């Protein structure tokens, strides 16, 4: 299962958001795995399934313009600003897991 902000649900469904970055201590997703995605942990409501296409590690500041677009149609600068709004206690350049996925439907 993956948790996303409510604003991201439609972006995932329409294919605008095909990547997510996570501050995991260890890898939690495998290529070709299929996961439900939700907006809350303790709920039976989900918004569909995603298939994991790629998992890699990189530092936050290494995000490219292309990857920022895959995060939901942002510029690199917009994405970094959003990252720090969502993760205000984050280091400036943490090591992240970058997960590329595709929406499979409900």
Foldseek 3Di string as FASTA:
>chain_A
DAADAPVCLVLQVVQQAFKDKDPDPDDDDDAQDKDWYDNDDPDPDTFAIKGWHDKDKDKLVPDQQVNCRNRGHDGSVVVLVVVCVVVVPDDSIDIIIMTGIHTDGD
